[in-house]
Amino acid sequence: MTALFSLLDRPNLFFVCLFVASPAYIAVGSVFYDSWEDFLDTLRLFFQPSWLSLLRGEWSEDNWATLKLFFYLVVCLALATALYKAVKLFF
């Protein structure tokens, strides 16, 4: 993990950008998820083992929820990275 942050010039600035972009995460989340319950259900399915999802008949929902969560996290990380790059130009 430290190798990843060693690629950044200013890791502390990146953490600040992660925090500052949190309102944007909520806005992006409203595109991906209908409600907070939908998001929490996605988290439940993500952390639930796949074999249990298969036994409960939720396997396809589990795969879709995992994919949706992955893309949501990628978009949030891209927003924070874009903010980091923009702020680094000015400071």
PDB file of N, CA and C in Angstrom:
ATOM      1  N   MET A   1       0.827  -1.188   0.000  1.00  0.00           N
ATOM      2  CA  MET A   1       0.000   0.000   0.000  1.00  0.00           C
ATOM      3  C   MET A   1       0.871   1.252   0.000  1.00  0.00           C
ATOM      4  N   THR A   2       1.975   1.206   0.717  1.00  0.00           N
ATOM      5  CA  THR A   2       2.846   2.372   0.732  1.00  0.00           C
ATOM      6  C   THR A   2       3.499   2.591  -0.628  1.00  0.00           C
ATOM      7  N   ALA A   3       3.682   1.516  -1.402  1.00  0.00           N
ATOM      8  CA  ALA A   3       4.242   1.673  -2.740  1.00  0.00           C
ATOM      9  C   ALA A   3       3.295   2.453  -3.632  1.00  0.00           C
ATOM     10  N   LEU A   4       1.992   2.257  -3.426  1.00  0.00           N
ATOM     11  CA  LEU A   4       1.016   2.997  -4.213  1.00  0.00           C
ATOM     12  C   LEU A   4       1.087   4.485  -3.891  1.00  0.00           C
ATOM     13  N   PHE A   5       1.177   4.819  -2.610  1.00  0.00           N
ATOM     14  CA  PHE A   5       1.222   6.228  -2.232  1.00  0.00           C
ATOM     15  C   PHE A   5       2.574   6.860  -2.487  1.00  0.00           C
ATOM     16  N   SER A   6       3.605   6.060  -2.682  1.00  0.00           N
ATOM     17  CA  SER A   6       4.902   6.629  -3.021  1.00  0.00           C
ATOM     18  C   SER A   6       4.901   7.176  -4.451  1.00  0.00           C
ATOM     19  N   LEU A   7       3.937   6.753  -5.262  1.00  0.00           N
ATOM     20  CA  LEU A   7       3.810   7.296  -6.618  1.00  0.00           C
ATOM     21  C   LEU A   7       3.256   8.716  -6.609  1.00  0.00           C
ATOM     22  N   LEU A   8       2.586   9.084  -5.528  1.00  0.00           N
ATOM     23  CA  LEU A   8       2.022  10.419  -5.407  1.00  0.00           C
ATOM     24  C   LEU A   8       3.077  11.380  -4.887  1.00  0.00           C
ATOM     25  N   ASP A   9       3.064  12.592  -5.417  1.00  0.00           N
ATOM     26  CA  ASP A   9       3.992  13.607  -4.929  1.00  0.00           C
ATOM     27  C   ASP A   9       3.631  14.048  -3.513  1.00  0.00           C
ATOM     28  N   ARG A  10       2.332  14.193  -3.288  1.00  0.00           N
ATOM     29  CA  ARG A  10       1.857  14.681  -1.988  1.00  0.00           C
ATOM     30  C   ARG A  10       0.693  13.806  -1.515  1.00  0.00           C
ATOM     31  N   PRO A  11       0.974  12.703  -0.830  1.00  0.00           N
ATOM     32  CA  PRO A  11      -0.093  11.791  -0.402  1.00  0.00           C
ATOM     33  C   PRO A  11      -1.094  12.434   0.549  1.00  0.00           C
ATOM     34  N   ASN A  12      -0.640  13.365   1.387  1.00  0.00           N
ATOM     35  CA  ASN A  12      -1.564  14.029   2.306  1.00  0.00           C
ATOM     36  C   ASN A  12      -2.599  14.852   1.553  1.00  0.00           C
ATOM     37  N   LEU A  13      -2.187  15.473   0.485  1.00  0.00           N
ATOM     38  CA  LEU A  13      -3.107  16.229  -0.350  1.00  0.00           C
ATOM     39  C   LEU A  13      -4.139  15.308  -0.989  1.00  0.00           C
ATOM     40  N   PHE A  14      -3.711  14.115  -1.368  1.00  0.00           N
ATOM     41  CA  PHE A  14      -4.654  13.162  -1.958  1.00  0.00           C
ATOM     42  C   PHE A  14      -5.718  12.754  -0.936  1.00  0.00           C
ATOM     43  N   PHE A  15      -5.326  12.530   0.324  1.00  0.00           N
ATOM     44  CA  PHE A  15      -6.300  12.188   1.352  1.00  0.00           C
ATOM     45  C   PHE A  15      -7.272  13.335   1.602  1.00  0.00           C
ATOM     46  N   VAL A  16      -6.789  14.555   1.542  1.00  0.00           N
ATOM     47  CA  VAL A  16      -7.671  15.716   1.680  1.00  0.00           C
ATOM     48  C   VAL A  16      -8.650  15.759   0.512  1.00  0.00           C
ATOM     49  N   CYS A  17      -8.169  15.481  -0.683  1.00  0.00           N
ATOM     50  CA  CYS A  17      -9.045  15.464  -1.861  1.00  0.00           C
ATOM     51  C   CYS A  17     -10.091  14.365  -1.757  1.00  0.00           C
ATOM     52  N   LEU A  18      -9.717  13.222  -1.207  1.00  0.00           N
ATOM     53  CA  LEU A  18     -10.697  12.147  -0.980  1.00  0.00           C
ATOM     54  C   LEU A  18     -11.819  12.625  -0.070  1.00  0.00           C
ATOM     55  N   PHE A  19     -11.465  13.367   0.961  1.00  0.00           N
ATOM     56  CA  PHE A  19     -12.462  13.864   1.912  1.00  0.00           C
ATOM     57  C   PHE A  19     -13.301  14.983   1.314  1.00  0.00           C
ATOM     58  N   VAL A  20     -12.663  15.899   0.616  1.00  0.00           N
ATOM     59  CA  VAL A  20     -13.369  17.054   0.055  1.00  0.00           C
ATOM     60  C   VAL A  20     -14.353  16.636  -1.039  1.00  0.00           C
ATOM     61  N   ALA A  21     -14.053  15.572  -1.735  1.00  0.00           N
ATOM     62  CA  ALA A  21     -14.920  15.122  -2.829  1.00  0.00           C
ATOM     63  C   ALA A  21     -16.112  14.311  -2.337  1.00  0.00           C
ATOM     64  N   SER A  22     -16.284  14.183  -1.038  1.00  0.00           N
ATOM     65  CA  SER A  22     -17.376  13.346  -0.521  1.00  0.00           C
ATOM     66  C   SER A  22     -18.775  13.803  -0.957  1.00  0.00           C
ATOM     67  N   PRO A  23     -19.074  15.094  -1.080  1.00  0.00           N
ATOM     68  CA  PRO A  23     -20.396  15.446  -1.633  1.00  0.00           C
ATOM     69  C   PRO A  23     -20.595  14.939  -3.061  1.00  0.00           C
ATOM     70  N   ALA A  24     -19.528  14.896  -3.828  1.00  0.00           N
ATOM     71  CA  ALA A  24     -19.630  14.370  -5.193  1.00  0.00           C
ATOM     72  C   ALA A  24     -19.897  12.871  -5.173  1.00  0.00           C
ATOM     73  N   TYR A  25     -19.367  12.177  -4.172  1.00  0.00           N
ATOM     74  CA  TYR A  25     -19.622  10.741  -4.054  1.00  0.00           C
ATOM     75  C   TYR A  25     -21.108  10.478  -3.830  1.00  0.00           C
ATOM     76  N   ILE A  26     -21.730  11.325  -3.040  1.00  0.00           N
ATOM     77  CA  ILE A  26     -23.171  11.165  -2.788  1.00  0.00           C
ATOM     78  C   ILE A  26     -23.961  11.434  -4.066  1.00  0.00           C
ATOM     79  N   ALA A  27     -23.548  12.438  -4.825  1.00  0.00           N
ATOM     80  CA  ALA A  27     -24.233  12.735  -6.085  1.00  0.00           C
ATOM     81  C   ALA A  27     -24.068  11.590  -7.084  1.00  0.00           C
ATOM     82  N   VAL A  28     -22.876  11.045  -7.165  1.00  0.00           N
ATOM     83  CA  VAL A  28     -22.642   9.911  -8.070  1.00  0.00           C
ATOM     84  C   VAL A  28     -23.402   8.684  -7.565  1.00  0.00           C
ATOM     85  N   GLY A  29     -23.457   8.516  -6.261  1.00  0.00           N
ATOM     86  CA  GLY A  29     -24.193   7.387  -5.684  1.00  0.00           C
ATOM     87  C   GLY A  29     -25.668   7.433  -6.011  1.00  0.00           C
ATOM     88  N   SER A  30     -26.227   8.623  -6.137  1.00  0.00           N
ATOM     89  CA  SER A  30     -27.646   8.726  -6.491  1.00  0.00           C
ATOM     90  C   SER A  30     -27.892   8.282  -7.927  1.00  0.00           C
ATOM     91  N   VAL A  31     -26.857   8.292  -8.757  1.00  0.00           N
ATOM     92  CA  VAL A  31     -26.983   7.780 -10.119  1.00  0.00           C
ATOM     93  C   VAL A  31     -26.937   6.251 -10.107  1.00  0.00           C
ATOM     94  N   PHE A  32     -26.066   5.694  -9.281  1.00  0.00           N
ATOM     95  CA  PHE A  32     -25.890   4.249  -9.238  1.00  0.00           C
ATOM     96  C   PHE A  32     -26.964   3.547  -8.410  1.00  0.00           C
ATOM     97  N   TYR A  33     -27.414   4.193  -7.345  1.00  0.00           N
ATOM     98  CA  TYR A  33     -28.327   3.544  -6.397  1.00  0.00           C
ATOM     99  C   TYR A  33     -29.589   4.383  -6.219  1.00  0.00           C
ATOM    100  N   ASP A  34     -30.716   3.683  -6.057  1.00  0.00           N
ATOM    101  CA  ASP A  34     -31.999   4.377  -5.915  1.00  0.00           C
ATOM    102  C   ASP A  34     -32.173   4.996  -4.538  1.00  0.00           C
ATOM    103  N   SER A  35     -31.661   4.315  -3.514  1.00  0.00           N
ATOM    104  CA  SER A  35     -31.828   4.790  -2.140  1.00  0.00           C
ATOM    105  C   SER A  35     -30.679   4.272  -1.290  1.00  0.00           C
ATOM    106  N   TRP A  36     -30.649   4.727  -0.040  1.00  0.00           N
ATOM    107  CA  TRP A  36     -29.637   4.231   0.887  1.00  0.00           C
ATOM    108  C   TRP A  36     -29.816   2.740   1.146  1.00  0.00           C
ATOM    109  N   GLU A  37     -31.074   2.289   1.158  1.00  0.00           N
ATOM    110  CA  GLU A  37     -31.332   0.869   1.377  1.00  0.00           C
ATOM    111  C   GLU A  37     -30.748   0.035   0.234  1.00  0.00           C
ATOM    112  N   ASP A  38     -30.842   0.552  -0.972  1.00  0.00           N
ATOM    113  CA  ASP A  38     -30.259  -0.141  -2.126  1.00  0.00           C
ATOM    114  C   ASP A  38     -28.741  -0.227  -1.990  1.00  0.00           C
ATOM    115  N   PHE A  39     -28.117   0.858  -1.539  1.00  0.00           N
ATOM    116  CA  PHE A  39     -26.674   0.851  -1.336  1.00  0.00           C
ATOM    117  C   PHE A  39     -26.272  -0.122  -0.221  1.00  0.00           C
ATOM    118  N   LEU A  40     -27.004  -0.103   0.875  1.00  0.00           N
ATOM    119  CA  LEU A  40     -26.696  -1.016   1.978  1.00  0.00           C
ATOM    120  C   LEU A  40     -26.930  -2.468   1.587  1.00  0.00           C
ATOM    121  N   ASP A  41     -27.943  -2.726   0.771  1.00  0.00           N
ATOM    122  CA  ASP A  41     -28.166  -4.081   0.269  1.00  0.00           C
ATOM    123  C   ASP A  41     -27.021  -4.520  -0.644  1.00  0.00           C
ATOM    124  N   THR A  42     -26.492  -3.580  -1.420  1.00  0.00           N
ATOM    125  CA  THR A  42     -25.334  -3.881  -2.262  1.00  0.00           C
ATOM    126  C   THR A  42     -24.128  -4.238  -1.409  1.00  0.00           C
ATOM    127  N   LEU A  43     -23.919  -3.491  -0.326  1.00  0.00           N
ATOM    128  CA  LEU A  43     -22.804  -3.812   0.574  1.00  0.00           C
ATOM    129  C   LEU A  43     -22.992  -5.178   1.226  1.00  0.00           C
ATOM    130  N   ARG A  44     -24.239  -5.490   1.592  1.00  0.00           N
ATOM    131  CA  ARG A  44     -24.515  -6.799   2.193  1.00  0.00           C
ATOM    132  C   ARG A  44     -24.188  -7.913   1.203  1.00  0.00           C
ATOM    133  N   LEU A  45     -24.605  -7.748  -0.026  1.00  0.00           N
ATOM    134  CA  LEU A  45     -24.330  -8.765  -1.039  1.00  0.00           C
ATOM    135  C   LEU A  45     -22.844  -8.844  -1.369  1.00  0.00           C
ATOM    136  N   PHE A  46     -22.145  -7.713  -1.306  1.00  0.00           N
ATOM    137  CA  PHE A  46     -20.722  -7.716  -1.603  1.00  0.00           C
ATOM    138  C   PHE A  46     -19.936  -8.512  -0.559  1.00  0.00           C
ATOM    139  N   PHE A  47     -20.283  -8.323   0.697  1.00  0.00           N
ATOM    140  CA  PHE A  47     -19.558  -9.001   1.762  1.00  0.00           C
ATOM    141  C   PHE A  47     -20.066 -10.410   2.042  1.00  0.00           C
ATOM    142  N   GLN A  48     -21.187 -10.759   1.463  1.00  0.00           N
ATOM    143  CA  GLN A  48     -21.723 -12.106   1.621  1.00  0.00           C
ATOM    144  C   GLN A  48     -20.963 -13.070   0.706  1.00  0.00           C
ATOM    145  N   PRO A  49     -20.563 -14.223   1.209  1.00  0.00           N
ATOM    146  CA  PRO A  49     -19.847 -15.176   0.344  1.00  0.00           C
ATOM    147  C   PRO A  49     -20.707 -15.616  -0.839  1.00  0.00           C
ATOM    148  N   SER A  50     -20.061 -15.871  -1.953  1.00  0.00           N
ATOM    149  CA  SER A  50     -20.779 -16.228  -3.175  1.00  0.00           C
ATOM    150  C   SER A  50     -21.549 -17.537  -3.031  1.00  0.00           C
ATOM    151  N   TRP A  51     -20.991 -18.480  -2.274  1.00  0.00           N
ATOM    152  CA  TRP A  51     -21.688 -19.751  -2.104  1.00  0.00           C
ATOM    153  C   TRP A  51     -22.989 -19.554  -1.326  1.00  0.00           C
ATOM    154  N   LEU A  52     -23.008 -18.609  -0.403  1.00  0.00           N
ATOM    155  CA  LEU A  52     -24.235 -18.331   0.341  1.00  0.00           C
ATOM    156  C   LEU A  52     -25.264 -17.644  -0.556  1.00  0.00           C
ATOM    157  N   SER A  53     -24.787 -16.762  -1.426  1.00  0.00           N
ATOM    158  CA  SER A  53     -25.693 -16.129  -2.393  1.00  0.00           C
ATOM    159  C   SER A  53     -26.297 -17.163  -3.327  1.00  0.00           C
ATOM    160  N   LEU A  54     -25.487 -18.138  -3.719  1.00  0.00           N
ATOM    161  CA  LEU A  54     -25.977 -19.195  -4.591  1.00  0.00           C
ATOM    162  C   LEU A  54     -27.052 -20.019  -3.878  1.00  0.00           C
ATOM    163  N   LEU A  55     -26.820 -20.341  -2.605  1.00  0.00           N
ATOM    164  CA  LEU A  55     -27.811 -21.116  -1.852  1.00  0.00           C
ATOM    165  C   LEU A  55     -29.102 -20.338  -1.616  1.00  0.00           C
ATOM    166  N   ARG A  56     -28.994 -19.034  -1.455  1.00  0.00           N
ATOM    167  CA  ARG A  56     -30.176 -18.196  -1.217  1.00  0.00           C
ATOM    168  C   ARG A  56     -30.884 -17.797  -2.507  1.00  0.00           C
ATOM    169  N   GLY A  57     -30.301 -18.123  -3.642  1.00  0.00           N
ATOM    170  CA  GLY A  57     -30.904 -17.749  -4.923  1.00  0.00           C
ATOM    171  C   GLY A  57     -30.647 -16.305  -5.293  1.00  0.00           C
ATOM    172  N   GLU A  58     -29.610 -15.707  -4.720  1.00  0.00           N
ATOM    173  CA  GLU A  58     -29.276 -14.308  -4.979  1.00  0.00           C
ATOM    174  C   GLU A  58     -27.992 -14.166  -5.787  1.00  0.00           C
ATOM    175  N   TRP A  59     -27.592 -15.215  -6.481  1.00  0.00           N
ATOM    176  CA  TRP A  59     -26.294 -15.195  -7.136  1.00  0.00           C
ATOM    177  C   TRP A  59     -26.203 -14.120  -8.206  1.00  0.00           C
ATOM    178  N   SER A  60     -27.215 -13.981  -9.044  1.00  0.00           N
ATOM    179  CA  SER A  60     -27.162 -12.962 -10.103  1.00  0.00           C
ATOM    180  C   SER A  60     -27.220 -11.554  -9.513  1.00  0.00           C
ATOM    181  N   GLU A  61     -28.027 -11.369  -8.463  1.00  0.00           N
ATOM    182  CA  GLU A  61     -28.075 -10.071  -7.799  1.00  0.00           C
ATOM    183  C   GLU A  61     -26.735  -9.751  -7.151  1.00  0.00           C
ATOM    184  N   ASP A  62     -26.082 -10.775  -6.590  1.00  0.00           N
ATOM    185  CA  ASP A  62     -24.775 -10.590  -5.968  1.00  0.00           C
ATOM    186  C   ASP A  62     -23.748 -10.158  -6.993  1.00  0.00           C
ATOM    187  N   ASN A  63     -23.732 -10.796  -8.137  1.00  0.00           N
ATOM    188  CA  ASN A  63     -22.776 -10.417  -9.190  1.00  0.00           C
ATOM    189  C   ASN A  63     -23.042  -9.005  -9.696  1.00  0.00           C
ATOM    190  N   TRP A  64     -24.300  -8.663  -9.896  1.00  0.00           N
ATOM    191  CA  TRP A  64     -24.639  -7.323 -10.370  1.00  0.00           C
ATOM    192  C   TRP A  64     -24.271  -6.274  -9.320  1.00  0.00           C
ATOM    193  N   ALA A  65     -24.534  -6.565  -8.055  1.00  0.00           N
ATOM    194  CA  ALA A  65     -24.213  -5.622  -6.986  1.00  0.00           C
ATOM    195  C   ALA A  65     -22.701  -5.427  -6.873  1.00  0.00           C
ATOM    196  N   THR A  66     -21.942  -6.503  -7.016  1.00  0.00           N
ATOM    197  CA  THR A  66     -20.489  -6.401  -6.956  1.00  0.00           C
ATOM    198  C   THR A  66     -19.950  -5.570  -8.106  1.00  0.00           C
ATOM    199  N   LEU A  67     -20.459  -5.780  -9.297  1.00  0.00           N
ATOM    200  CA  LEU A  67     -20.030  -5.005 -10.454  1.00  0.00           C
ATOM    201  C   LEU A  67     -20.393  -3.527 -10.301  1.00  0.00           C
ATOM    202  N   LYS A  68     -21.597  -3.271  -9.827  1.00  0.00           N
ATOM    203  CA  LYS A  68     -22.049  -1.892  -9.637  1.00  0.00           C
ATOM    204  C   LYS A  68     -21.204  -1.182  -8.577  1.00  0.00           C
ATOM    205  N   LEU A  69     -20.885  -1.876  -7.493  1.00  0.00           N
ATOM    206  CA  LEU A  69     -20.054  -1.287  -6.451  1.00  0.00           C
ATOM    207  C   LEU A  69     -18.642  -1.020  -6.962  1.00  0.00           C
ATOM    208  N   PHE A  70     -18.104  -1.937  -7.752  1.00  0.00           N
ATOM    209  CA  PHE A  70     -16.777  -1.740  -8.326  1.00  0.00           C
ATOM    210  C   PHE A  70     -16.734  -0.486  -9.198  1.00  0.00           C
ATOM    211  N   PHE A  71     -17.713  -0.319 -10.086  1.00  0.00           N
ATOM    212  CA  PHE A  71     -17.732   0.860 -10.953  1.00  0.00           C
ATOM    213  C   PHE A  71     -17.956   2.144 -10.149  1.00  0.00           C
ATOM    214  N   TYR A  72     -18.778   2.061  -9.110  1.00  0.00           N
ATOM    215  CA  TYR A  72     -18.996   3.225  -8.243  1.00  0.00           C
ATOM    216  C   TYR A  72     -17.690   3.640  -7.575  1.00  0.00           C
ATOM    217  N   LEU A  73     -16.940   2.691  -7.057  1.00  0.00           N
ATOM    218  CA  LEU A  73     -15.668   3.011  -6.401  1.00  0.00           C
ATOM    219  C   LEU A  73     -14.635   3.540  -7.397  1.00  0.00           C
ATOM    220  N   VAL A  74     -14.640   3.007  -8.605  1.00  0.00           N
ATOM    221  CA  VAL A  74     -13.717   3.506  -9.640  1.00  0.00           C
ATOM    222  C   VAL A  74     -14.052   4.954  -9.990  1.00  0.00           C
ATOM    223  N   VAL A  75     -15.330   5.275 -10.128  1.00  0.00           N
ATOM    224  CA  VAL A  75     -15.723   6.646 -10.444  1.00  0.00           C
ATOM    225  C   VAL A  75     -15.353   7.581  -9.292  1.00  0.00           C
ATOM    226  N   CYS A  76     -15.577   7.146  -8.054  1.00  0.00           N
ATOM    227  CA  CYS A  76     -15.223   7.982  -6.901  1.00  0.00           C
ATOM    228  C   CYS A  76     -13.720   8.207  -6.819  1.00  0.00           C
ATOM    229  N   LEU A  77     -12.950   7.183  -7.080  1.00  0.00           N
ATOM    230  CA  LEU A  77     -11.501   7.332  -7.076  1.00  0.00           C
ATOM    231  C   LEU A  77     -11.040   8.230  -8.219  1.00  0.00           C
ATOM    232  N   ALA A  78     -11.689   8.137  -9.352  1.00  0.00           N
ATOM    233  CA  ALA A  78     -11.349   9.011 -10.488  1.00  0.00           C
ATOM    234  C   ALA A  78     -11.666  10.469 -10.166  1.00  0.00           C
ATOM    235  N   LEU A  79     -12.770  10.710  -9.463  1.00  0.00           N
ATOM    236  CA  LEU A  79     -13.097  12.078  -9.059  1.00  0.00           C
ATOM    237  C   LEU A  79     -12.047  12.633  -8.112  1.00  0.00           C
ATOM    238  N   ALA A  80     -11.649  11.833  -7.141  1.00  0.00           N
ATOM    239  CA  ALA A  80     -10.635  12.286  -6.188  1.00  0.00           C
ATOM    240  C   ALA A  80      -9.300  12.513  -6.888  1.00  0.00           C
ATOM    241  N   THR A  81      -8.968  11.665  -7.837  1.00  0.00           N
ATOM    242  CA  THR A  81      -7.712  11.820  -8.570  1.00  0.00           C
ATOM    243  C   THR A  81      -7.741  13.074  -9.441  1.00  0.00           C
ATOM    244  N   ALA A  82      -8.855  13.337 -10.078  1.00  0.00           N
ATOM    245  CA  ALA A  82      -8.971  14.547 -10.896  1.00  0.00           C
ATOM    246  C   ALA A  82      -8.876  15.797 -10.023  1.00  0.00           C
ATOM    247  N   LEU A  83      -9.497  15.761  -8.859  1.00  0.00           N
ATOM    248  CA  LEU A  83      -9.402  16.887  -7.936  1.00  0.00           C
ATOM    249  C   LEU A  83      -7.960  17.058  -7.451  1.00  0.00           C
ATOM    250  N   TYR A  84      -7.305  15.954  -7.165  1.00  0.00           N
ATOM    251  CA  TYR A  84      -5.896  16.001  -6.734  1.00  0.00           C
ATOM    252  C   TYR A  84      -5.022  16.629  -7.809  1.00  0.00           C
ATOM    253  N   LYS A  85      -5.211  16.213  -9.051  1.00  0.00           N
ATOM    254  CA  LYS A  85      -4.411  16.767 -10.151  1.00  0.00           C
ATOM    255  C   LYS A  85      -4.686  18.264 -10.331  1.00  0.00           C
ATOM    256  N   ALA A  86      -5.944  18.667 -10.204  1.00  0.00           N
ATOM    257  CA  ALA A  86      -6.294  20.079 -10.367  1.00  0.00           C
ATOM    258  C   ALA A  86      -5.721  20.925  -9.226  1.00  0.00           C
ATOM    259  N   VAL A  87      -5.839  20.438  -8.010  1.00  0.00           N
ATOM    260  CA  VAL A  87      -5.334  21.188  -6.858  1.00  0.00           C
ATOM    261  C   VAL A  87      -3.808  21.245  -6.895  1.00  0.00           C
ATOM    262  N   LYS A  88      -3.175  20.179  -7.332  1.00  0.00           N
ATOM    263  CA  LYS A  88      -1.719  20.152  -7.389  1.00  0.00           C
ATOM    264  C   LYS A  88      -1.177  21.191  -8.384  1.00  0.00           C
ATOM    265  N   LEU A  89      -1.953  21.497  -9.403  1.00  0.00           N
ATOM    266  CA  LEU A  89      -1.530  22.536 -10.363  1.00  0.00           C
ATOM    267  C   LEU A  89      -1.483  23.910  -9.724  1.00  0.00           C
ATOM    268  N   PHE A  90      -2.401  24.161  -8.782  1.00  0.00           N
ATOM    269  CA  PHE A  90      -2.484  25.491  -8.171  1.00  0.00           C
ATOM    270  C   PHE A  90      -1.666  25.635  -6.909  1.00  0.00           C
ATOM    271  N   PHE A  91      -1.398  24.533  -6.220  1.00  0.00           N
ATOM    272  CA  PHE A  91      -0.662  24.624  -4.953  1.00  0.00           C
ATOM    273  C   PHE A  91       0.616  23.902  -5.086  1.00  0.00           C
TER     274      PHE A  91
END
